[in-house]
Protein backbone atom coordinates (compact mmCIF):
# COMPACT_ATOMS: atom_id res chain seq x y z
CA MET A 1 -7.21 -11.66 -19.19
CA ASN A 2 -5.96 -9.97 -22.36
CA VAL A 3 -3.15 -7.43 -22.74
CA VAL A 4 -5.52 -4.41 -22.89
CA GLU A 5 -7.16 -5.42 -19.61
CA ALA A 6 -3.70 -5.95 -18.10
CA ALA A 7 -2.56 -2.48 -19.20
CA VAL A 8 -5.67 -0.86 -17.70
CA LEU A 9 -5.12 -2.69 -14.42
CA GLY A 10 -1.47 -1.57 -14.53
CA VAL A 11 -2.59 2.05 -14.65
CA VAL A 12 -5.02 1.39 -11.79
CA GLN A 13 -2.30 -0.28 -9.71
CA GLY A 14 0.23 2.48 -10.39
CA LEU A 15 -2.19 5.21 -9.35
CA THR A 16 -3.82 3.55 -6.36
CA GLU A 17 -0.80 1.87 -4.74
CA PHE A 18 0.51 5.18 -3.43
CA LEU A 19 -2.65 7.25 -3.15
CA PRO A 20 -4.48 6.37 0.09
CA ILE A 21 -7.45 4.87 -1.74
CA SER A 22 -6.59 1.12 -1.84
CA SER A 23 -4.94 -0.58 -4.80
CA SER A 24 -6.22 -4.05 -3.88
CA GLY A 25 -9.74 -2.68 -3.60
CA HIS A 26 -9.60 -0.98 -7.00
CA LEU A 27 -8.09 -4.08 -8.62
CA LEU A 28 -11.18 -5.91 -7.42
CA ILE A 29 -13.69 -3.15 -8.16
CA VAL A 30 -12.59 -2.18 -11.69
CA PRO A 31 -12.79 -5.70 -13.19
CA ARG A 32 -16.14 -6.27 -11.47
CA LEU A 33 -17.64 -3.07 -12.91
CA ALA A 34 -16.13 -3.78 -16.35
CA GLY A 35 -17.41 -7.34 -16.40
CA TRP A 36 -13.92 -8.86 -16.41
CA ASP A 37 -12.76 -11.87 -14.43
CA ASP A 38 -11.36 -11.27 -10.95
CA PRO A 39 -7.54 -11.22 -11.42
CA GLY A 40 -7.10 -12.82 -8.01
CA ALA A 41 -5.06 -12.09 -4.88
CA ALA A 42 -1.90 -13.67 -6.32
CA PHE A 43 -2.02 -11.40 -9.39
CA THR A 44 -2.54 -8.38 -7.14
CA ALA A 45 0.45 -9.31 -4.99
CA VAL A 46 2.80 -9.99 -7.90
CA ILE A 47 2.08 -6.81 -9.88
CA GLN A 48 2.81 -4.77 -6.76
CA LEU A 49 6.45 -5.60 -7.49
CA GLY A 50 6.19 -3.09 -10.35
CA THR A 51 5.19 -0.26 -8.05
CA MET A 52 7.78 -1.40 -5.53
CA ALA A 53 10.42 -1.08 -8.24
CA ALA A 54 9.21 2.51 -8.65
CA VAL A 55 9.72 3.12 -4.91
CA ILE A 56 13.16 1.54 -4.95
CA ILE A 57 14.32 3.63 -7.90
CA TYR A 58 12.77 6.85 -6.62
CA PHE A 59 14.26 6.42 -3.12
CA TRP A 60 17.37 4.48 -4.11
CA ARG A 61 19.78 6.85 -2.37
CA ASP A 62 17.79 6.67 0.88
CA LEU A 63 17.51 2.90 0.68
CA VAL A 64 21.21 2.40 -0.06
CA ASN A 65 22.18 4.68 2.84
CA ILE A 66 19.78 2.90 5.18
CA ALA A 67 20.97 -0.56 4.15
CA THR A 68 24.70 0.22 4.31
CA THR A 69 24.58 2.22 7.55
CA TRP A 70 22.39 -0.36 9.27
CA THR A 71 24.70 -3.20 8.17
CA LYS A 72 27.83 -1.38 9.35
CA SER A 73 26.15 -0.52 12.66
CA LEU A 74 25.95 -4.23 13.51
CA TRP A 75 29.69 -4.18 14.32
CA ARG A 76 30.31 -0.43 14.66
CA PRO A 77 28.49 0.79 17.82
CA GLU A 78 29.15 4.48 17.02
CA LEU A 79 26.77 4.20 14.05
CA ARG A 80 23.85 2.75 15.98
CA HIS A 81 22.38 6.15 16.79
CA HIS A 82 22.65 7.36 13.19
CA GLN A 83 19.25 8.07 11.63
CA ASP A 84 19.81 5.66 8.73
CA ALA A 85 20.81 2.83 11.06
CA ARG A 86 17.75 3.43 13.22
CA MET A 87 15.54 3.63 10.14
CA GLY A 88 16.74 0.18 9.12
CA TRP A 89 15.51 -1.23 12.42
CA TYR A 90 12.22 0.66 12.25
CA ILE A 91 11.46 -0.59 8.74
CA GLY A 92 12.44 -4.16 9.58
CA LEU A 93 10.54 -4.35 12.87
CA GLY A 94 7.61 -2.41 11.42
CA THR A 95 7.22 -5.11 8.78
CA ILE A 96 6.67 -7.86 11.35
CA PRO A 97 2.95 -7.16 12.07
CA ILE A 98 1.84 -7.37 8.43
CA SER A 99 4.06 -10.41 7.81
CA VAL A 100 2.64 -12.33 10.77
CA CYS A 101 -0.97 -11.35 10.02
CA GLY A 102 -0.50 -12.06 6.31
CA LEU A 103 0.62 -15.62 6.98
CA ALA A 104 -1.96 -16.20 9.71
CA PHE A 105 -4.91 -15.01 7.59
CA LYS A 106 -3.60 -16.03 4.16
CA ASP A 107 -6.63 -18.18 3.30
CA LEU A 108 -9.08 -15.42 4.23
CA ILE A 109 -7.16 -12.79 2.26
CA GLU A 110 -7.00 -14.89 -0.90
CA ASP A 111 -10.72 -15.68 -1.12
CA PRO A 112 -13.44 -14.74 1.43
CA ALA A 113 -12.14 -11.18 1.97
CA ARG A 114 -12.37 -10.47 -1.77
CA ASN A 115 -15.98 -9.43 -1.34
CA LEU A 116 -17.31 -6.06 -2.47
CA TRP A 117 -19.35 -5.59 0.70
CA ILE A 118 -16.11 -5.76 2.68
CA ASN A 119 -14.26 -3.54 0.20
CA ALA A 120 -16.96 -0.87 0.12
CA SER A 121 -17.29 -0.82 3.90
CA SER A 122 -13.52 -0.68 4.36
CA LEU A 123 -13.21 2.22 1.90
CA ILE A 124 -15.69 4.23 3.97
CA VAL A 125 -14.55 3.26 7.48
CA MET A 126 -10.81 3.69 6.88
CA GLY A 127 -11.52 6.87 4.94
CA LEU A 128 -13.29 8.33 7.96
CA VAL A 129 -10.43 7.22 10.23
CA LEU A 130 -8.01 9.02 7.88
CA MET A 131 -10.18 12.11 8.16
CA VAL A 132 -9.97 12.01 11.97
CA ALA A 133 -6.18 11.59 11.75
CA GLU A 134 -5.96 14.54 9.36
CA TRP A 135 -7.87 16.72 11.79
CA ALA A 136 -6.31 15.45 15.02
CA GLY A 137 -2.64 15.20 14.03
CA THR A 138 -0.31 18.08 14.87
CA LYS A 139 1.75 17.54 11.67
CA LYS A 140 4.83 18.96 13.39
CA ARG A 141 7.11 15.90 13.36
CA ASP A 142 9.49 14.88 10.56
CA VAL A 143 10.95 11.53 9.53
CA GLY A 144 14.00 12.27 11.68
CA ASP A 145 11.76 12.20 14.78
CA LEU A 146 10.80 8.57 14.18
CA ASN A 147 11.48 6.18 17.08
CA LEU A 148 10.97 2.47 17.73
CA ARG A 149 7.55 2.89 19.34
CA ASP A 150 6.27 4.92 16.39
CA GLY A 151 7.75 2.45 13.90
CA LEU A 152 5.92 -0.45 15.54
CA ILE A 153 2.63 1.48 15.80
CA ILE A 154 2.75 2.50 12.13
CA GLY A 155 3.68 -1.10 11.28
CA GLY A 156 0.56 -2.21 13.14
CA PHE A 157 -1.54 0.19 11.05
CA GLN A 158 0.08 -1.27 7.92
CA ALA A 159 -1.31 -4.70 8.85
CA LEU A 160 -4.83 -3.25 8.42
CA SER A 161 -4.13 -3.06 4.69
CA LEU A 162 -4.60 -6.84 4.49
CA ILE A 163 -8.32 -6.04 4.49
CA PRO A 164 -9.18 -5.24 0.84
CA GLY A 165 -10.30 -1.65 0.54
CA SER A 166 -8.26 -0.41 3.51
CA SER A 167 -5.19 0.78 1.55
CA ARG A 168 -1.64 0.06 2.69
CA SER A 169 -0.45 3.62 2.12
CA GLY A 170 -3.65 5.00 3.61
CA SER A 171 -3.34 2.87 6.74
CA THR A 172 0.31 3.72 7.39
CA MET A 173 -0.18 7.41 6.67
CA THR A 174 -3.17 7.43 9.02
CA GLY A 175 -1.04 5.95 11.80
CA ALA A 176 1.74 8.47 11.18
CA LEU A 177 -0.69 11.41 11.18
CA PHE A 178 -2.16 10.28 14.51
CA LEU A 179 1.40 10.32 15.90
CA GLY A 180 1.87 13.93 14.83
CA TYR A 181 3.94 13.52 11.66
CA SER A 182 3.58 15.89 8.74
CA ARG A 183 1.75 14.66 5.65
CA GLU A 184 4.94 14.51 3.59
CA ALA A 185 6.84 12.67 6.36
CA ALA A 186 3.95 10.24 6.71
CA ALA A 187 3.97 9.54 2.98
CA ARG A 188 7.76 9.21 2.78
CA TYR A 189 7.96 6.72 5.64
CA SER A 190 4.94 4.87 4.25
CA PHE A 191 6.75 4.37 0.94
CA LEU A 192 9.96 3.17 2.63
CA LEU A 193 8.05 0.84 4.96
CA SER A 194 6.22 -0.70 2.01
CA VAL A 195 9.35 -2.10 0.37
CA PRO A 196 10.00 -5.26 2.45
CA ALA A 197 6.31 -6.02 2.99
CA VAL A 198 5.32 -5.87 -0.66
CA VAL A 199 8.49 -7.53 -1.94
CA LEU A 200 7.98 -10.45 0.46
CA SER A 201 4.30 -10.70 -0.49
CA GLY A 202 5.04 -10.59 -4.22
CA ALA A 203 7.87 -13.11 -3.92
CA PHE A 204 5.62 -15.45 -1.92
CA GLU A 205 2.92 -15.33 -4.58
CA MET A 206 5.43 -15.51 -7.46
CA ARG A 207 5.44 -19.29 -7.08
CA LYS A 208 2.03 -19.31 -8.75
CA ALA A 209 3.55 -17.95 -11.95
CA PHE A 210 5.16 -21.34 -12.40
CA ASP A 211 2.19 -23.57 -11.54
CA GLY A 212 -0.24 -22.13 -14.11
CA SER A 213 -2.21 -20.00 -11.64
CA LEU A 214 -0.96 -16.75 -13.22
CA GLN A 215 -0.95 -15.73 -16.88
CA VAL A 216 2.62 -14.70 -17.51
CA VAL A 217 2.26 -12.16 -20.37
CA PRO A 218 -0.63 -10.12 -18.88
CA THR A 219 1.09 -10.17 -15.48
CA VAL A 220 4.33 -8.82 -16.99
CA VAL A 221 2.49 -6.12 -18.98
CA CYS A 222 0.53 -5.01 -15.92
CA THR A 223 3.66 -4.94 -13.77
CA LEU A 224 5.60 -2.79 -16.27
CA VAL A 225 2.75 -0.31 -16.70
CA SER A 226 2.28 -0.06 -12.94
CA PHE A 227 5.99 0.75 -12.57
CA VAL A 228 5.84 3.73 -14.97
CA VAL A 229 2.59 5.13 -13.59
CA GLY A 230 3.65 4.46 -10.00
CA TYR A 231 6.91 6.38 -10.34
CA ALA A 232 5.06 9.44 -11.63
CA CYS A 233 2.48 9.11 -8.86
CA ILE A 234 5.13 9.12 -6.10
CA ALA A 235 6.63 12.37 -7.36
CA TRP A 236 3.20 13.98 -7.69
CA LEU A 237 1.91 12.89 -4.28
CA LEU A 238 4.94 14.08 -2.31
CA LYS A 239 4.63 17.50 -3.96
CA PHE A 240 0.84 17.58 -3.51
CA LEU A 241 1.02 16.85 0.22
CA THR A 242 3.30 19.82 0.90
CA ARG A 243 0.39 22.15 0.14
CA HIS A 244 -2.82 20.14 0.46
CA SER A 245 -4.62 17.98 3.01
CA MET A 246 -5.69 14.37 2.50
CA LEU A 247 -9.38 15.20 2.69
CA ILE A 248 -9.80 14.90 -1.09
CA PHE A 249 -8.92 11.21 -0.76
CA VAL A 250 -11.37 10.85 2.14
CA TYR A 251 -14.19 12.30 0.02
CA TYR A 252 -13.30 9.98 -2.85
CA ARG A 253 -13.22 6.89 -0.61
CA VAL A 254 -16.55 7.66 1.04
CA ALA A 255 -18.23 8.48 -2.28
CA LEU A 256 -16.92 5.34 -4.01
CA GLY A 257 -17.80 3.16 -1.04
CA GLY A 258 -21.30 4.64 -0.90
CA ILE A 259 -21.85 4.07 -4.63
CA LEU A 260 -20.69 0.47 -4.34
CA LEU A 261 -22.97 -0.19 -1.38
CA GLY A 262 -25.88 1.27 -3.35
CA LEU A 263 -25.12 -0.89 -6.40
CA LEU A 264 -24.76 -3.98 -4.22
CA ALA A 265 -28.02 -3.29 -2.38
CA ALA A 266 -29.82 -2.80 -5.69
CA GLY A 267 -28.40 -6.05 -7.05
CA ALA A 268 -26.72 -4.20 -9.94
CA ILE A 269 -23.38 -5.88 -9.24
CA SER A 270 -22.35 -9.08 -7.54
CA ALA A 271 -20.41 -9.01 -4.26
CA THR A 272 -18.28 -12.04 -5.20
């Protein structure tokens, strides 16, 4: 991989990490259509640290308040009902499903699942599920209404993102919409919930940067570009969702998935 390819993939990662259209799927699809080598699951996991840095900086006040209040609540019972203290528990416990599934299915995620038939099908199926959630959800609940049950359910939806093409943000926002949360609340909690999951995943795969499995310079370039684009994308999406539905992303997912299935059926591109 050269620096230009890395920069392009950085833009792709920055845009698709937060939009509910699957970053891992696009990082597999774009190189395949461009005739580039598959960057691999480890590369995908590591460069997500760039977009996670964007989340951390964008929501730094929220994250600091959550971390400090949750820590203090461990020995100060009067703080345990505070929203920030509860949010700390919800984010931590909500990360368990994806962590357990990620370790259990690590070998499948890193190779067999990186198949365009799976990606294309997942884009369509999870897009249609998002559409149902958009129509069925009441959109009356805010982040302050979050409880332990909802945190665990949304965390379970996040585990679906281990399937390439599903989308981590798309899966979590779908779960939140089904539970009656507003689009903006669903997106905000999705971003906060992503921090421990993606940081742990990226840190786990970072070991490959030191054994020759990852190209250091392209990985760094891609990560930096994804940070800049990702930060801008967060700000845009939160504003967009205050006035618009998620159906535009559903249409995009279904159209892209359909095109990919057509190209695969015609033998125009390879599935692996």
